[in-house]
Amino acid sequence: TSECEKYACCPLPPYLEDSGCVIEEDDNGGRPLRDICFHLLKLYSDRSYELDQLLDPRSVTSDPLDFRLSWHLWEVLRALNYSHLSQQSWGVLNTSYAAQLESEGLWEWAVFVMLHEPDT
């Protein structure tokens, strides 16, 4: 309530845990930045929970261009019949991870990732 103070810190990503409760809002649209485990628990309790927040790389790492875990997690969620990620977000996830792999010289894996693109 507005009369009481917070009794616990929000579940921040691991790279922000030592910073305390200072970060309340993230800079993209005012959505709070939370730990990926928090998002997974929310998805478990509400099957229609927004996947964009869950698959945001900043919920895992300080590098906003590191899509490794986000892409692999999305593939696991798809196998579990979660399908409410927009095609645009899915495309951004695929192309971003493919670009990351290509920049590391792993173009074969970048091709593999692009084979998962929904819009042929």
C-alpha atoms as a PDB file:
ATOM      1  CA  THR A   1       0.000   0.000   0.000  1.00  0.00           C
ATOM      2  CA  SER A   2       1.023   3.614  -0.188  1.00  0.00           C
ATOM      3  CA  GLU A   3       1.257   3.738   3.628  1.00  0.00           C
ATOM      4  CA  CYS A   4       3.682   0.834   3.957  1.00  0.00           C
ATOM      5  CA  GLU A   5       7.191   0.474   2.654  1.00  0.00           C
ATOM      6  CA  LYS A   6       8.380  -2.441   0.545  1.00  0.00           C
ATOM      7  CA  TYR A   7       9.509  -5.377   2.619  1.00  0.00           C
ATOM      8  CA  ALA A   8      11.545  -7.151  -0.079  1.00  0.00           C
ATOM      9  CA  CYS A   9      13.576  -6.202  -3.104  1.00  0.00           C
ATOM     10  CA  CYS A  10      12.181  -6.936  -6.529  1.00  0.00           C
ATOM     11  CA  PRO A  11      13.636 -10.047  -8.215  1.00  0.00           C
ATOM     12  CA  LEU A  12      16.436  -8.474 -10.234  1.00  0.00           C
ATOM     13  CA  PRO A  13      18.556 -10.305 -12.799  1.00  0.00           C
ATOM     14  CA  PRO A  14      21.707 -11.893 -11.331  1.00  0.00           C
ATOM     15  CA  TYR A  15      24.018  -9.189 -12.679  1.00  0.00           C
ATOM     16  CA  LEU A  16      22.037  -6.531 -10.760  1.00  0.00           C
ATOM     17  CA  GLU A  17      21.524  -8.366  -7.461  1.00  0.00           C
ATOM     18  CA  ASP A  18      24.237  -6.467  -5.584  1.00  0.00           C
ATOM     19  CA  SER A  19      22.786  -3.103  -6.536  1.00  0.00           C
ATOM     20  CA  GLY A  20      19.875  -3.384  -4.077  1.00  0.00           C
ATOM     21  CA  CYS A  21      16.357  -2.125  -4.749  1.00  0.00           C
ATOM     22  CA  VAL A  22      17.353   0.918  -6.774  1.00  0.00           C
ATOM     23  CA  ILE A  23      16.155  -0.158 -10.218  1.00  0.00           C
ATOM     24  CA  GLU A  24      12.387   0.054 -10.444  1.00  0.00           C
ATOM     25  CA  GLU A  25      11.664   0.794 -14.084  1.00  0.00           C
ATOM     26  CA  ASP A  26      13.594  -0.079 -17.191  1.00  0.00           C
ATOM     27  CA  ASP A  27      14.159   2.433 -19.940  1.00  0.00           C
ATOM     28  CA  ASN A  28      11.926   0.762 -22.558  1.00  0.00           C
ATOM     29  CA  GLY A  29       8.325   1.716 -21.982  1.00  0.00           C
ATOM     30  CA  GLY A  30       8.490   1.674 -18.192  1.00  0.00           C
ATOM     31  CA  ARG A  31       8.342  -2.128 -17.854  1.00  0.00           C
ATOM     32  CA  PRO A  32      10.108  -3.312 -14.711  1.00  0.00           C
ATOM     33  CA  LEU A  33      13.275  -5.322 -15.277  1.00  0.00           C
ATOM     34  CA  ARG A  34      12.958  -8.721 -13.551  1.00  0.00           C
ATOM     35  CA  ASP A  35      14.915 -11.960 -13.264  1.00  0.00           C
ATOM     36  CA  ILE A  36      14.182 -14.694 -15.810  1.00  0.00           C
ATOM     37  CA  CYS A  37      13.161 -17.100 -13.020  1.00  0.00           C
ATOM     38  CA  PHE A  38      10.491 -14.611 -11.939  1.00  0.00           C
ATOM     39  CA  HIS A  39       9.153 -14.496 -15.504  1.00  0.00           C
ATOM     40  CA  LEU A  40       9.115 -18.299 -15.705  1.00  0.00           C
ATOM     41  CA  LEU A  41       7.116 -18.502 -12.479  1.00  0.00           C
ATOM     42  CA  LYS A  42       4.676 -15.901 -13.805  1.00  0.00           C
ATOM     43  CA  LEU A  43       4.302 -17.908 -17.024  1.00  0.00           C
ATOM     44  CA  TYR A  44       3.661 -21.056 -14.990  1.00  0.00           C
ATOM     45  CA  SER A  45       0.912 -19.335 -13.010  1.00  0.00           C
ATOM     46  CA  ASP A  46      -0.551 -17.508 -16.029  1.00  0.00           C
ATOM     47  CA  ARG A  47      -0.168 -19.351 -19.330  1.00  0.00           C
ATOM     48  CA  SER A  48      -0.902 -16.144 -21.269  1.00  0.00           C
ATOM     49  CA  TYR A  49       1.896 -14.140 -19.583  1.00  0.00           C
ATOM     50  CA  GLU A  50       3.702 -11.848 -22.034  1.00  0.00           C
ATOM     51  CA  LEU A  51       6.663 -13.704 -23.542  1.00  0.00           C
ATOM     52  CA  ASP A  52       8.473 -10.559 -24.700  1.00  0.00           C
ATOM     53  CA  GLN A  53       9.473  -9.774 -21.117  1.00  0.00           C
ATOM     54  CA  LEU A  54      10.581 -13.357 -20.487  1.00  0.00           C
ATOM     55  CA  LEU A  55      12.731 -13.532 -23.618  1.00  0.00           C
ATOM     56  CA  ASP A  56      14.356 -10.139 -23.126  1.00  0.00           C
ATOM     57  CA  PRO A  57      18.135 -10.802 -22.924  1.00  0.00           C
ATOM     58  CA  ARG A  58      18.455  -8.234 -20.116  1.00  0.00           C
ATOM     59  CA  SER A  59      16.543 -10.562 -17.782  1.00  0.00           C
ATOM     60  CA  VAL A  60      19.633 -12.816 -17.870  1.00  0.00           C
ATOM     61  CA  THR A  61      22.682 -10.814 -18.908  1.00  0.00           C
ATOM     62  CA  SER A  62      23.863  -7.227 -18.934  1.00  0.00           C
ATOM     63  CA  ASP A  63      24.511  -7.489 -22.690  1.00  0.00           C
ATOM     64  CA  PRO A  64      21.246  -6.566 -24.458  1.00  0.00           C
ATOM     65  CA  LEU A  65      22.573  -8.130 -27.684  1.00  0.00           C
ATOM     66  CA  ASP A  66      23.233 -11.602 -26.242  1.00  0.00           C
ATOM     67  CA  PHE A  67      20.314 -13.705 -27.472  1.00  0.00           C
ATOM     68  CA  ARG A  68      21.746 -17.161 -26.728  1.00  0.00           C
ATOM     69  CA  LEU A  69      19.600 -18.133 -23.770  1.00  0.00           C
ATOM     70  CA  SER A  70      16.546 -16.257 -25.050  1.00  0.00           C
ATOM     71  CA  TRP A  71      16.516 -18.155 -28.357  1.00  0.00           C
ATOM     72  CA  HIS A  72      17.047 -21.571 -26.767  1.00  0.00           C
ATOM     73  CA  LEU A  73      14.411 -20.851 -24.119  1.00  0.00           C
ATOM     74  CA  TRP A  74      11.945 -19.839 -26.833  1.00  0.00           C
ATOM     75  CA  GLU A  75      12.549 -23.133 -28.636  1.00  0.00           C
ATOM     76  CA  VAL A  76      11.829 -25.033 -25.407  1.00  0.00           C
ATOM     77  CA  LEU A  77       8.668 -23.003 -24.817  1.00  0.00           C
ATOM     78  CA  ARG A  78       7.509 -23.671 -28.385  1.00  0.00           C
ATOM     79  CA  ALA A  79       8.005 -27.400 -27.773  1.00  0.00           C
ATOM     80  CA  LEU A  80       5.762 -27.003 -24.711  1.00  0.00           C
ATOM     81  CA  ASN A  81       3.052 -25.454 -26.926  1.00  0.00           C
ATOM     82  CA  TYR A  82       3.504 -21.824 -25.936  1.00  0.00           C
ATOM     83  CA  SER A  83       2.752 -19.915 -29.097  1.00  0.00           C
ATOM     84  CA  HIS A  84       1.682 -16.407 -28.121  1.00  0.00           C
ATOM     85  CA  LEU A  85       4.875 -14.631 -29.167  1.00  0.00           C
ATOM     86  CA  SER A  86       4.193 -12.256 -32.037  1.00  0.00           C
ATOM     87  CA  GLN A  87       5.714 -13.083 -35.414  1.00  0.00           C
ATOM     88  CA  GLN A  88       7.648  -9.814 -35.303  1.00  0.00           C
ATOM     89  CA  SER A  89       9.212 -10.670 -31.936  1.00  0.00           C
ATOM     90  CA  TRP A  90       9.932 -14.195 -33.127  1.00  0.00           C
ATOM     91  CA  GLY A  91      11.639 -12.826 -36.233  1.00  0.00           C
ATOM     92  CA  VAL A  92      13.696 -10.351 -34.214  1.00  0.00           C
ATOM     93  CA  LEU A  93      14.781 -13.146 -31.882  1.00  0.00           C
ATOM     94  CA  ASN A  94      15.820 -15.395 -34.786  1.00  0.00           C
ATOM     95  CA  THR A  95      17.665 -12.736 -36.764  1.00  0.00           C
ATOM     96  CA  SER A  96      19.389 -11.279 -33.713  1.00  0.00           C
ATOM     97  CA  TYR A  97      20.699 -14.651 -32.584  1.00  0.00           C
ATOM     98  CA  ALA A  98      21.734 -15.557 -36.148  1.00  0.00           C
ATOM     99  CA  ALA A  99      23.612 -12.246 -36.464  1.00  0.00           C
ATOM    100  CA  GLN A 100      25.321 -12.910 -33.128  1.00  0.00           C
ATOM    101  CA  LEU A 101      26.430 -16.360 -34.311  1.00  0.00           C
ATOM    102  CA  GLU A 102      27.596 -15.026 -37.660  1.00  0.00           C
ATOM    103  CA  SER A 103      29.669 -12.311 -35.990  1.00  0.00           C
ATOM    104  CA  GLU A 104      31.438 -15.071 -34.027  1.00  0.00           C
ATOM    105  CA  GLY A 105      32.238 -16.917 -37.261  1.00  0.00           C
ATOM    106  CA  LEU A 106      29.620 -19.614 -36.651  1.00  0.00           C
ATOM    107  CA  TRP A 107      27.718 -19.053 -39.891  1.00  0.00           C
ATOM    108  CA  GLU A 108      26.613 -22.713 -40.093  1.00  0.00           C
ATOM    109  CA  TRP A 109      24.751 -22.314 -36.821  1.00  0.00           C
ATOM    110  CA  ALA A 110      23.372 -18.974 -37.990  1.00  0.00           C
ATOM    111  CA  VAL A 111      21.838 -20.797 -40.969  1.00  0.00           C
ATOM    112  CA  PHE A 112      20.393 -23.396 -38.587  1.00  0.00           C
ATOM    113  CA  VAL A 113      18.779 -20.646 -36.499  1.00  0.00           C
ATOM    114  CA  MET A 114      17.348 -18.966 -39.596  1.00  0.00           C
ATOM    115  CA  LEU A 115      15.729 -22.256 -40.608  1.00  0.00           C
ATOM    116  CA  HIS A 116      13.404 -21.695 -37.626  1.00  0.00           C
ATOM    117  CA  GLU A 117      12.118 -18.430 -39.116  1.00  0.00           C
ATOM    118  CA  PRO A 118       8.302 -18.559 -39.266  1.00  0.00           C
ATOM    119  CA  ASP A 119       7.994 -16.219 -42.266  1.00  0.00           C
ATOM    120  CA  THR A 120       9.658 -18.051 -45.165  1.00  0.00           C
END
